[in-house]
Amino acid sequence: MKLVRYGRAGAEKPGLIDEDGTVRDLSRVVKDITPAILSPAGLKRLRALKTARLPVVRGQPRLGCPLSGIGKIVCIGLNYTDHAHEVGQPLPKEPLLFIKASSAISGPSDPIVRPRDAVKLDYEVELGAVIGRDGRNVGEADALRHVAAFCIVDDVSERAFQLEHGGTTTKGKSADTFAPIGPWLVTADEVRDPQALEVWTRVNGEPRQRGDTGNMIFSVRQLVAYVSRFMSLRAGDVISTGTPAGVAHGMKPPRYLEPGDVVEMGITGLGGQRHTIVERAARR
């Protein structure tokens, strides 16, 4: 299944994408797409629906983040060999973890706002693994059973905030609109192998990133198990699994995003995102 939330920001309704790519309304079935819906029982209930009987959503509604109530976004740094090389860093011996603030979440076509004083805005297309079952100290053999769905995450970054102002990575990753998610959640049963997906990014039509999740240093299975050693994983958490080479920061010279730029990205079977970069309005 492909689960979506559609409508104006802050008032999204639950829906799903049918076999023809049409948005169907789920409002009479569930109040929202929440972590509880991602439980085995919740997904079983949705799979039993006769999709053709669900109301069609007319027009082309805005799609929001496809999951309400995300608890935490755990991001993985330097998880592709080519990306580590392009930024001049050694390959990590263990996954590098940081947290992205949930206040950064936005929809898959919403504008990305360049914060005040930002000068090095960057993009990172990433596979997001959405947790559907709580877990702690999960074994690798059972790790994928805790993943209910997959999605696209754009790990938007402000490199100056991240690297030039001391402290941790999180401050360069958590501004408003820095976590576009979607366009939809694809349930895990429809993703045959999360390590066999192509990922890509274009900026103003120019190819920038092109990679394959098979080139991750640490697989989704390994990451779920590893993260659960250090913190409880809760239904609705998202693990953003890292990005391949081609980020603006790794180019020589760097080619950071500017207002007016259009960023597009996608992952095999998970749809695509499209964002325009805008400047934050100055305070009066």
C-alpha atoms as a PDB file:
ATOM      1  CA  MET A   1       0.000   0.000   0.000  1.00  0.00           C
ATOM      2  CA  LYS A   2       0.899   3.612  -0.524  1.00  0.00           C
ATOM      3  CA  LEU A   3      -0.395   5.755   2.328  1.00  0.00           C
ATOM      4  CA  VAL A   4      -0.671   9.540   2.067  1.00  0.00           C
ATOM      5  CA  ARG A   5      -1.932  12.579   3.910  1.00  0.00           C
ATOM      6  CA  TYR A   6      -3.411  15.279   1.698  1.00  0.00           C
ATOM      7  CA  GLY A   7      -4.760  18.804   2.081  1.00  0.00           C
ATOM      8  CA  ARG A   8      -3.547  22.107   3.438  1.00  0.00           C
ATOM      9  CA  ALA A   9      -0.712  22.134   5.952  1.00  0.00           C
ATOM     10  CA  GLY A  10      -1.929  21.369   9.440  1.00  0.00           C
ATOM     11  CA  ALA A  11      -5.266  19.985   8.258  1.00  0.00           C
ATOM     12  CA  GLU A  12      -4.239  16.940   6.228  1.00  0.00           C
ATOM     13  CA  LYS A  13      -6.617  14.032   5.716  1.00  0.00           C
ATOM     14  CA  PRO A  14      -5.669  10.347   5.449  1.00  0.00           C
ATOM     15  CA  GLY A  15      -5.624   8.639   2.076  1.00  0.00           C
ATOM     16  CA  LEU A  16      -4.057   5.958  -0.039  1.00  0.00           C
ATOM     17  CA  ILE A  17      -2.902   5.688  -3.632  1.00  0.00           C
ATOM     18  CA  ASP A  18      -4.785   3.088  -5.657  1.00  0.00           C
ATOM     19  CA  GLU A  19      -3.389   0.940  -8.477  1.00  0.00           C
ATOM     20  CA  ASP A  20      -4.124   3.685 -11.015  1.00  0.00           C
ATOM     21  CA  GLY A  21      -2.260   6.329  -9.016  1.00  0.00           C
ATOM     22  CA  THR A  22      -5.458   8.017  -7.809  1.00  0.00           C
ATOM     23  CA  VAL A  23      -5.712   9.395  -4.275  1.00  0.00           C
ATOM     24  CA  ARG A  24      -8.530   7.728  -2.319  1.00  0.00           C
ATOM     25  CA  ASP A  25      -9.910   9.204   0.882  1.00  0.00           C
ATOM     26  CA  LEU A  26      -9.612   7.194   4.111  1.00  0.00           C
ATOM     27  CA  SER A  27     -11.364   9.665   6.419  1.00  0.00           C
ATOM     28  CA  ARG A  28     -14.303   7.341   7.009  1.00  0.00           C
ATOM     29  CA  VAL A  29     -11.952   4.530   7.968  1.00  0.00           C
ATOM     30  CA  VAL A  30      -9.266   6.232  10.083  1.00  0.00           C
ATOM     31  CA  LYS A  31      -8.856   9.727  11.496  1.00  0.00           C
ATOM     32  CA  ASP A  32      -5.255  10.057  10.345  1.00  0.00           C
ATOM     33  CA  ILE A  33      -2.179   8.084   9.288  1.00  0.00           C
ATOM     34  CA  THR A  34      -0.610   7.608  12.705  1.00  0.00           C
ATOM     35  CA  PRO A  35       1.922   5.214  14.230  1.00  0.00           C
ATOM     36  CA  ALA A  36      -0.965   3.019  15.416  1.00  0.00           C
ATOM     37  CA  ILE A  37      -2.015   2.500  11.794  1.00  0.00           C
ATOM     38  CA  LEU A  38       1.430   1.024  11.092  1.00  0.00           C
ATOM     39  CA  SER A  39       0.936  -1.838  13.540  1.00  0.00           C
ATOM     40  CA  PRO A  40       0.337  -5.288  12.024  1.00  0.00           C
ATOM     41  CA  ALA A  41      -3.319  -5.054  13.049  1.00  0.00           C
ATOM     42  CA  GLY A  42      -3.692  -1.545  11.635  1.00  0.00           C
ATOM     43  CA  LEU A  43      -2.193  -2.461   8.277  1.00  0.00           C
ATOM     44  CA  LYS A  44      -4.231  -5.675   8.106  1.00  0.00           C
ATOM     45  CA  ARG A  45      -7.376  -3.613   8.516  1.00  0.00           C
ATOM     46  CA  LEU A  46      -6.422  -1.320   5.651  1.00  0.00           C
ATOM     47  CA  ARG A  47      -5.443  -4.186   3.370  1.00  0.00           C
ATOM     48  CA  ALA A  48      -8.904  -5.668   3.828  1.00  0.00           C
ATOM     49  CA  LEU A  49     -10.572  -2.563   2.358  1.00  0.00           C
ATOM     50  CA  LYS A  50     -12.125  -2.615  -1.088  1.00  0.00           C
ATOM     51  CA  THR A  51     -10.147   0.264  -2.544  1.00  0.00           C
ATOM     52  CA  ALA A  52     -12.572   0.879  -5.404  1.00  0.00           C
ATOM     53  CA  ARG A  53     -15.282   1.760  -2.902  1.00  0.00           C
ATOM     54  CA  LEU A  54     -13.241   4.521  -1.251  1.00  0.00           C
ATOM     55  CA  PRO A  55     -14.057   8.103  -2.322  1.00  0.00           C
ATOM     56  CA  VAL A  56     -11.823   9.553  -5.040  1.00  0.00           C
ATOM     57  CA  VAL A  57     -10.014  12.759  -4.123  1.00  0.00           C
ATOM     58  CA  ARG A  58     -10.537  15.152  -7.016  1.00  0.00           C
ATOM     59  CA  GLY A  59      -7.932  17.449  -8.487  1.00  0.00           C
ATOM     60  CA  GLN A  60      -4.306  17.522  -7.431  1.00  0.00           C
ATOM     61  CA  PRO A  61      -4.279  18.108  -3.687  1.00  0.00           C
ATOM     62  CA  ARG A  62      -1.172  19.073  -1.798  1.00  0.00           C
ATOM     63  CA  LEU A  63       0.468  16.067  -0.173  1.00  0.00           C
ATOM     64  CA  GLY A  64       1.805  16.527   3.333  1.00  0.00           C
ATOM     65  CA  CYS A  65       4.176  14.388   5.340  1.00  0.00           C
ATOM     66  CA  PRO A  66       2.532  10.955   5.031  1.00  0.00           C
ATOM     67  CA  LEU A  67       2.761  10.139   8.742  1.00  0.00           C
ATOM     68  CA  SER A  68       1.386  12.154  11.640  1.00  0.00           C
ATOM     69  CA  GLY A  69       2.975  11.849  15.062  1.00  0.00           C
ATOM     70  CA  ILE A  70       6.561  11.052  14.098  1.00  0.00           C
ATOM     71  CA  GLY A  71       8.443  10.704  17.368  1.00  0.00           C
ATOM     72  CA  LYS A  72      12.040  11.111  16.291  1.00  0.00           C
ATOM     73  CA  ILE A  73      14.105  11.166  13.128  1.00  0.00           C
ATOM     74  CA  VAL A  74      17.381   9.308  13.584  1.00  0.00           C
ATOM     75  CA  CYS A  75      19.822  10.129  10.795  1.00  0.00           C
ATOM     76  CA  ILE A  76      22.900   8.222   9.697  1.00  0.00           C
ATOM     77  CA  GLY A  77      25.986  10.111   8.560  1.00  0.00           C
ATOM     78  CA  LEU A  78      28.513   8.980   5.954  1.00  0.00           C
ATOM     79  CA  ASN A  79      26.704   5.740   5.137  1.00  0.00           C
ATOM     80  CA  TYR A  80      27.765   5.504   1.483  1.00  0.00           C
ATOM     81  CA  THR A  81      31.396   4.915   0.564  1.00  0.00           C
ATOM     82  CA  ASP A  82      31.347   7.426  -2.296  1.00  0.00           C
ATOM     83  CA  HIS A  83      29.865  10.171  -0.099  1.00  0.00           C
ATOM     84  CA  ALA A  84      32.503   9.664   2.597  1.00  0.00           C
ATOM     85  CA  HIS A  85      35.204   9.934  -0.066  1.00  0.00           C
ATOM     86  CA  GLU A  86      33.767  13.088  -1.651  1.00  0.00           C
ATOM     87  CA  VAL A  87      33.790  14.970   1.672  1.00  0.00           C
ATOM     88  CA  GLY A  88      37.223  13.659   2.611  1.00  0.00           C
ATOM     89  CA  GLN A  89      36.200  11.560   5.608  1.00  0.00           C
ATOM     90  CA  PRO A  90      37.326   8.043   6.568  1.00  0.00           C
ATOM     91  CA  LEU A  91      34.757   5.264   6.383  1.00  0.00           C
ATOM     92  CA  PRO A  92      33.016   4.934   9.738  1.00  0.00           C
ATOM     93  CA  LYS A  93      33.637   1.764  11.738  1.00  0.00           C
ATOM     94  CA  GLU A  94      30.203   2.088  13.333  1.00  0.00           C
ATOM     95  CA  PRO A  95      27.124   4.035  12.180  1.00  0.00           C
ATOM     96  CA  LEU A  96      27.268   7.772  12.888  1.00  0.00           C
ATOM     97  CA  LEU A  97      24.007   8.885  14.510  1.00  0.00           C
ATOM     98  CA  PHE A  98      22.409  12.278  14.934  1.00  0.00           C
ATOM     99  CA  ILE A  99      18.871  13.469  15.572  1.00  0.00           C
ATOM    100  CA  LYS A 100      16.872  15.714  13.267  1.00  0.00           C
ATOM    101  CA  ALA A 101      14.187  17.791  15.008  1.00  0.00           C
ATOM    102  CA  SER A 102      10.590  16.795  14.286  1.00  0.00           C
ATOM    103  CA  SER A 103       9.769  20.518  13.883  1.00  0.00           C
ATOM    104  CA  ALA A 104      11.734  20.351  10.606  1.00  0.00           C
ATOM    105  CA  ILE A 105       9.155  18.032   8.992  1.00  0.00           C
ATOM    106  CA  SER A 106       7.386  19.263   5.847  1.00  0.00           C
ATOM    107  CA  GLY A 107       5.650  17.852   2.791  1.00  0.00           C
ATOM    108  CA  PRO A 108       7.193  16.422  -0.393  1.00  0.00           C
ATOM    109  CA  SER A 109       6.439  19.486  -2.530  1.00  0.00           C
ATOM    110  CA  ASP A 110       6.545  22.263   0.068  1.00  0.00           C
ATOM    111  CA  PRO A 111       9.120  25.049  -0.342  1.00  0.00           C
ATOM    112  CA  ILE A 112      12.433  24.653   1.466  1.00  0.00           C
ATOM    113  CA  VAL A 113      13.132  27.840   3.393  1.00  0.00           C
ATOM    114  CA  ARG A 114      16.731  29.053   3.594  1.00  0.00           C
ATOM    115  CA  PRO A 115      17.148  30.285   7.179  1.00  0.00           C
ATOM    116  CA  ARG A 116      18.408  33.714   8.112  1.00  0.00           C
ATOM    117  CA  ASP A 117      22.241  33.866   7.930  1.00  0.00           C
ATOM    118  CA  ALA A 118      22.388  30.572   6.007  1.00  0.00           C
ATOM    119  CA  VAL A 119      25.026  30.515   3.268  1.00  0.00           C
ATOM    120  CA  LYS A 120      25.665  26.811   2.540  1.00  0.00           C
ATOM    121  CA  LEU A 121      22.323  25.122   1.945  1.00  0.00           C
ATOM    122  CA  ASP A 122      22.510  21.516   0.745  1.00  0.00           C
ATOM    123  CA  TYR A 123      20.314  18.537  -0.202  1.00  0.00           C
ATOM    124  CA  GLU A 124      20.605  14.814   0.627  1.00  0.00           C
ATOM    125  CA  VAL A 125      18.247  12.209  -0.817  1.00  0.00           C
ATOM    126  CA  GLU A 126      17.812   9.367   1.668  1.00  0.00           C
ATOM    127  CA  LEU A 127      15.837   6.181   2.164  1.00  0.00           C
ATOM    128  CA  GLY A 128      13.681   6.468   5.270  1.00  0.00           C
ATOM    129  CA  ALA A 129      12.784   3.324   7.239  1.00  0.00           C
ATOM    130  CA  VAL A 130       9.591   3.859   9.251  1.00  0.00           C
ATOM    131  CA  ILE A 131       9.292   1.869  12.457  1.00  0.00           C
ATOM    132  CA  GLY A 132       5.989   0.077  13.048  1.00  0.00           C
ATOM    133  CA  ARG A 133       6.775  -1.908  16.206  1.00  0.00           C
ATOM    134  CA  ASP A 134       8.490  -0.763  19.389  1.00  0.00           C
ATOM    135  CA  GLY A 135      11.898  -2.306  19.965  1.00  0.00           C
ATOM    136  CA  ARG A 136      14.959  -2.226  22.173  1.00  0.00           C
ATOM    137  CA  ASN A 137      18.158  -4.225  21.585  1.00  0.00           C
ATOM    138  CA  VAL A 138      16.682  -5.672  18.415  1.00  0.00           C
ATOM    139  CA  GLY A 139      18.678  -8.441  16.782  1.00  0.00           C
ATOM    140  CA  GLU A 140      19.656  -8.091  13.128  1.00  0.00           C
ATOM    141  CA  ALA A 141      17.691 -11.222  12.233  1.00  0.00           C
ATOM    142  CA  ASP A 142      14.482  -9.579  13.485  1.00  0.00           C
ATOM    143  CA  ALA A 143      15.275  -5.983  12.547  1.00  0.00           C
ATOM    144  CA  LEU A 144      13.238  -5.702   9.353  1.00  0.00           C
ATOM    145  CA  ARG A 145      10.153  -7.016  11.165  1.00  0.00           C
ATOM    146  CA  HIS A 146      10.158  -3.689  13.011  1.00  0.00           C
ATOM    147  CA  VAL A 147      10.038  -1.696   9.749  1.00  0.00           C
ATOM    148  CA  ALA A 148       6.463  -1.041   8.626  1.00  0.00           C
ATOM    149  CA  ALA A 149       7.160   1.165   5.618  1.00  0.00           C
ATOM    150  CA  PHE A 150       9.723   3.049   3.574  1.00  0.00           C
ATOM    151  CA  CYS A 151       9.733   6.613   2.240  1.00  0.00           C
ATOM    152  CA  ILE A 152      11.918   9.369   0.841  1.00  0.00           C
ATOM    153  CA  VAL A 153      13.573  11.805   3.229  1.00  0.00           C
ATOM    154  CA  ASP A 154      15.437  14.905   2.066  1.00  0.00           C
ATOM    155  CA  ASP A 155      18.016  15.480   4.803  1.00  0.00           C
ATOM    156  CA  VAL A 156      18.328  19.196   4.077  1.00  0.00           C
ATOM    157  CA  SER A 157      21.508  20.632   5.584  1.00  0.00           C
ATOM    158  CA  GLU A 158      23.049  24.015   6.260  1.00  0.00           C
ATOM    159  CA  ARG A 159      26.742  23.189   6.164  1.00  0.00           C
ATOM    160  CA  ALA A 160      27.972  26.352   7.855  1.00  0.00           C
ATOM    161  CA  PHE A 161      25.614  25.773  10.784  1.00  0.00           C
ATOM    162  CA  GLN A 162      26.680  22.120  10.839  1.00  0.00           C
ATOM    163  CA  LEU A 163      30.444  22.500  10.570  1.00  0.00           C
ATOM    164  CA  GLU A 164      31.483  26.041  11.470  1.00  0.00           C
ATOM    165  CA  HIS A 165      29.589  26.919  14.646  1.00  0.00           C
ATOM    166  CA  GLY A 166      30.774  24.248  17.068  1.00  0.00           C
ATOM    167  CA  GLY A 167      28.673  21.620  18.755  1.00  0.00           C
ATOM    168  CA  THR A 168      26.960  18.767  16.970  1.00  0.00           C
ATOM    169  CA  THR A 169      25.599  17.994  13.522  1.00  0.00           C
ATOM    170  CA  THR A 170      21.988  18.457  14.617  1.00  0.00           C
ATOM    171  CA  LYS A 171      22.070  22.274  14.531  1.00  0.00           C
ATOM    172  CA  GLY A 172      22.747  22.232  10.785  1.00  0.00           C
ATOM    173  CA  LYS A 173      19.966  19.738  10.115  1.00  0.00           C
ATOM    174  CA  SER A 174      16.930  20.941  12.046  1.00  0.00           C
ATOM    175  CA  ALA A 175      15.684  24.278  10.709  1.00  0.00           C
ATOM    176  CA  ASP A 176      12.026  24.501   9.705  1.00  0.00           C
ATOM    177  CA  THR A 177      11.363  22.675   6.377  1.00  0.00           C
ATOM    178  CA  PHE A 178      14.665  20.741   6.633  1.00  0.00           C
ATOM    179  CA  ALA A 179      12.927  17.326   6.714  1.00  0.00           C
ATOM    180  CA  PRO A 180      10.627  16.892   3.718  1.00  0.00           C
ATOM    181  CA  ILE A 181       9.131  13.394   3.896  1.00  0.00           C
ATOM    182  CA  GLY A 182       7.066  11.542   1.315  1.00  0.00           C
ATOM    183  CA  PRO A 183       5.225  11.699  -1.010  1.00  0.00           C
ATOM    184  CA  TRP A 184       3.857   8.522   0.546  1.00  0.00           C
ATOM    185  CA  LEU A 185       4.661   5.613   2.795  1.00  0.00           C
ATOM    186  CA  VAL A 186       5.155   2.380   0.896  1.00  0.00           C
ATOM    187  CA  THR A 187       4.455  -0.555   3.179  1.00  0.00           C
ATOM    188  CA  ALA A 188       7.396  -2.873   3.666  1.00  0.00           C
ATOM    189  CA  ASP A 189       5.712  -5.823   1.956  1.00  0.00           C
ATOM    190  CA  GLU A 190       5.910  -3.901  -1.334  1.00  0.00           C
ATOM    191  CA  VAL A 191       9.660  -3.237  -1.047  1.00  0.00           C
ATOM    192  CA  ARG A 192      11.215  -6.567  -1.947  1.00  0.00           C
ATOM    193  CA  ASP A 193      14.776  -5.561  -1.049  1.00  0.00           C
ATOM    194  CA  PRO A 194      15.577  -2.210   0.602  1.00  0.00           C
ATOM    195  CA  GLN A 195      19.197  -2.685  -0.479  1.00  0.00           C
ATOM    196  CA  ALA A 196      18.315  -2.707  -4.195  1.00  0.00           C
ATOM    197  CA  LEU A 197      16.834   0.749  -4.752  1.00  0.00           C
ATOM    198  CA  GLU A 198      18.150   3.508  -7.001  1.00  0.00           C
ATOM    199  CA  VAL A 199      18.276   6.993  -5.492  1.00  0.00           C
ATOM    200  CA  TRP A 200      18.755  10.263  -7.381  1.00  0.00           C
ATOM    201  CA  THR A 201      18.673  14.055  -7.150  1.00  0.00           C
ATOM    202  CA  ARG A 202      18.484  16.829  -9.747  1.00  0.00           C
ATOM    203  CA  VAL A 203      18.943  20.565  -9.202  1.00  0.00           C
ATOM    204  CA  ASN A 204      17.396  22.818 -11.846  1.00  0.00           C
ATOM    205  CA  GLY A 205      17.241  19.741 -14.101  1.00  0.00           C
ATOM    206  CA  GLU A 206      20.940  18.919 -13.685  1.00  0.00           C
ATOM    207  CA  PRO A 207      21.726  15.426 -12.335  1.00  0.00           C
ATOM    208  CA  ARG A 208      23.567  15.677  -9.032  1.00  0.00           C
ATOM    209  CA  GLN A 209      23.156  12.431  -7.090  1.00  0.00           C
ATOM    210  CA  ARG A 210      22.863   8.934  -8.494  1.00  0.00           C
ATOM    211  CA  GLY A 211      23.334   5.971  -6.212  1.00  0.00           C
ATOM    212  CA  ASP A 212      22.058   2.611  -5.075  1.00  0.00           C
ATOM    213  CA  THR A 213      21.084   1.523  -1.581  1.00  0.00           C
ATOM    214  CA  GLY A 214      23.150  -1.605  -2.146  1.00  0.00           C
ATOM    215  CA  ASN A 215      26.188   0.638  -1.663  1.00  0.00           C
ATOM    216  CA  MET A 216      25.302   1.529   1.915  1.00  0.00           C
ATOM    217  CA  ILE A 217      28.095   0.804   4.363  1.00  0.00           C
ATOM    218  CA  PHE A 218      25.511  -0.316   6.940  1.00  0.00           C
ATOM    219  CA  SER A 219      22.275  -1.885   5.679  1.00  0.00           C
ATOM    220  CA  VAL A 220      18.777  -1.039   6.889  1.00  0.00           C
ATOM    221  CA  ARG A 221      18.777  -4.275   8.871  1.00  0.00           C
ATOM    222  CA  GLN A 222      22.044  -3.362  10.577  1.00  0.00           C
ATOM    223  CA  LEU A 223      20.934   0.196  11.278  1.00  0.00           C
ATOM    224  CA  VAL A 224      17.671  -0.765  12.964  1.00  0.00           C
ATOM    225  CA  ALA A 225      19.519  -3.188  15.231  1.00  0.00           C
ATOM    226  CA  TYR A 226      22.325  -0.722  15.952  1.00  0.00           C
ATOM    227  CA  VAL A 227      20.122   2.272  16.758  1.00  0.00           C
ATOM    228  CA  SER A 228      18.004   0.145  19.092  1.00  0.00           C
ATOM    229  CA  ARG A 229      21.084  -0.527  21.245  1.00  0.00           C
ATOM    230  CA  PHE A 230      21.288   3.136  22.219  1.00  0.00           C
ATOM    231  CA  MET A 231      17.653   4.237  22.321  1.00  0.00           C
ATOM    232  CA  SER A 232      14.241   2.658  22.241  1.00  0.00           C
ATOM    233  CA  LEU A 233      12.663   2.604  18.817  1.00  0.00           C
ATOM    234  CA  ARG A 234       8.996   3.522  18.874  1.00  0.00           C
ATOM    235  CA  ALA A 235       6.310   3.035  16.268  1.00  0.00           C
ATOM    236  CA  GLY A 236       6.373   6.143  14.085  1.00  0.00           C
ATOM    237  CA  ASP A 237      10.098   6.794  14.416  1.00  0.00           C
ATOM    238  CA  VAL A 238      12.016   7.267  11.161  1.00  0.00           C
ATOM    239  CA  ILE A 239      15.580   6.162  10.470  1.00  0.00           C
ATOM    240  CA  SER A 240      17.039   8.201   7.606  1.00  0.00           C
ATOM    241  CA  THR A 241      19.741   5.951   6.230  1.00  0.00           C
ATOM    242  CA  GLY A 242      22.303   8.271   4.619  1.00  0.00           C
ATOM    243  CA  THR A 243      22.990   9.719   1.190  1.00  0.00           C
ATOM    244  CA  PRO A 244      25.231   8.870  -1.792  1.00  0.00           C
ATOM    245  CA  ALA A 245      27.786  11.140  -3.440  1.00  0.00           C
ATOM    246  CA  GLY A 246      26.785  14.266  -5.322  1.00  0.00           C
ATOM    247  CA  VAL A 247      25.867  16.664  -2.528  1.00  0.00           C
ATOM    248  CA  ALA A 248      26.634  20.346  -3.064  1.00  0.00           C
ATOM    249  CA  HIS A 249      29.194  20.351  -0.244  1.00  0.00           C
ATOM    250  CA  GLY A 250      31.254  17.650  -1.962  1.00  0.00           C
ATOM    251  CA  MET A 251      31.560  19.453  -5.305  1.00  0.00           C
ATOM    252  CA  LYS A 252      34.712  21.365  -6.220  1.00  0.00           C
ATOM    253  CA  PRO A 253      33.915  24.169  -5.841  1.00  0.00           C
ATOM    254  CA  PRO A 254      30.768  23.584  -3.751  1.00  0.00           C
ATOM    255  CA  ARG A 255      27.504  24.539  -5.446  1.00  0.00           C
ATOM    256  CA  TYR A 256      25.090  25.298  -2.648  1.00  0.00           C
ATOM    257  CA  LEU A 257      21.391  25.930  -3.117  1.00  0.00           C
ATOM    258  CA  GLU A 258      20.131  29.461  -3.732  1.00  0.00           C
ATOM    259  CA  PRO A 259      16.609  30.939  -3.631  1.00  0.00           C
ATOM    260  CA  GLY A 260      14.783  30.036  -6.829  1.00  0.00           C
ATOM    261  CA  ASP A 261      16.580  26.710  -7.283  1.00  0.00           C
ATOM    262  CA  VAL A 262      14.384  23.656  -7.840  1.00  0.00           C
ATOM    263  CA  VAL A 263      15.419  20.373  -6.216  1.00  0.00           C
ATOM    264  CA  GLU A 264      13.920  17.073  -7.399  1.00  0.00           C
ATOM    265  CA  MET A 265      14.694  13.661  -5.977  1.00  0.00           C
ATOM    266  CA  GLY A 266      13.364  10.132  -6.042  1.00  0.00           C
ATOM    267  CA  ILE A 267      13.856   6.510  -5.035  1.00  0.00           C
ATOM    268  CA  THR A 268      12.779   3.421  -6.967  1.00  0.00           C
ATOM    269  CA  GLY A 269       9.155   2.616  -6.148  1.00  0.00           C
ATOM    270  CA  LEU A 270       8.848   5.352  -3.522  1.00  0.00           C
ATOM    271  CA  GLY A 271       7.885   8.294  -5.737  1.00  0.00           C
ATOM    272  CA  GLY A 272       9.570  11.673  -5.927  1.00  0.00           C
ATOM    273  CA  GLN A 273       9.858  15.076  -4.296  1.00  0.00           C
ATOM    274  CA  ARG A 274      10.082  18.542  -5.832  1.00  0.00           C
ATOM    275  CA  HIS A 275      10.967  21.680  -3.879  1.00  0.00           C
ATOM    276  CA  THR A 276      11.653  25.312  -4.629  1.00  0.00           C
ATOM    277  CA  ILE A 277      14.184  27.103  -2.438  1.00  0.00           C
ATOM    278  CA  VAL A 278      12.863  30.319  -0.931  1.00  0.00           C
ATOM    279  CA  GLU A 279      14.376  32.976   1.315  1.00  0.00           C
ATOM    280  CA  ARG A 280      12.981  33.465   4.788  1.00  0.00           C
ATOM    281  CA  ALA A 281      11.217  36.815   4.886  1.00  0.00           C
ATOM    282  CA  ALA A 282      12.993  39.405   6.997  1.00  0.00           C
ATOM    283  CA  ARG A 283      11.297  40.408  10.222  1.00  0.00           C
ATOM    284  CA  ARG A 284       9.663  43.812  10.217  1.00  0.00           C
END
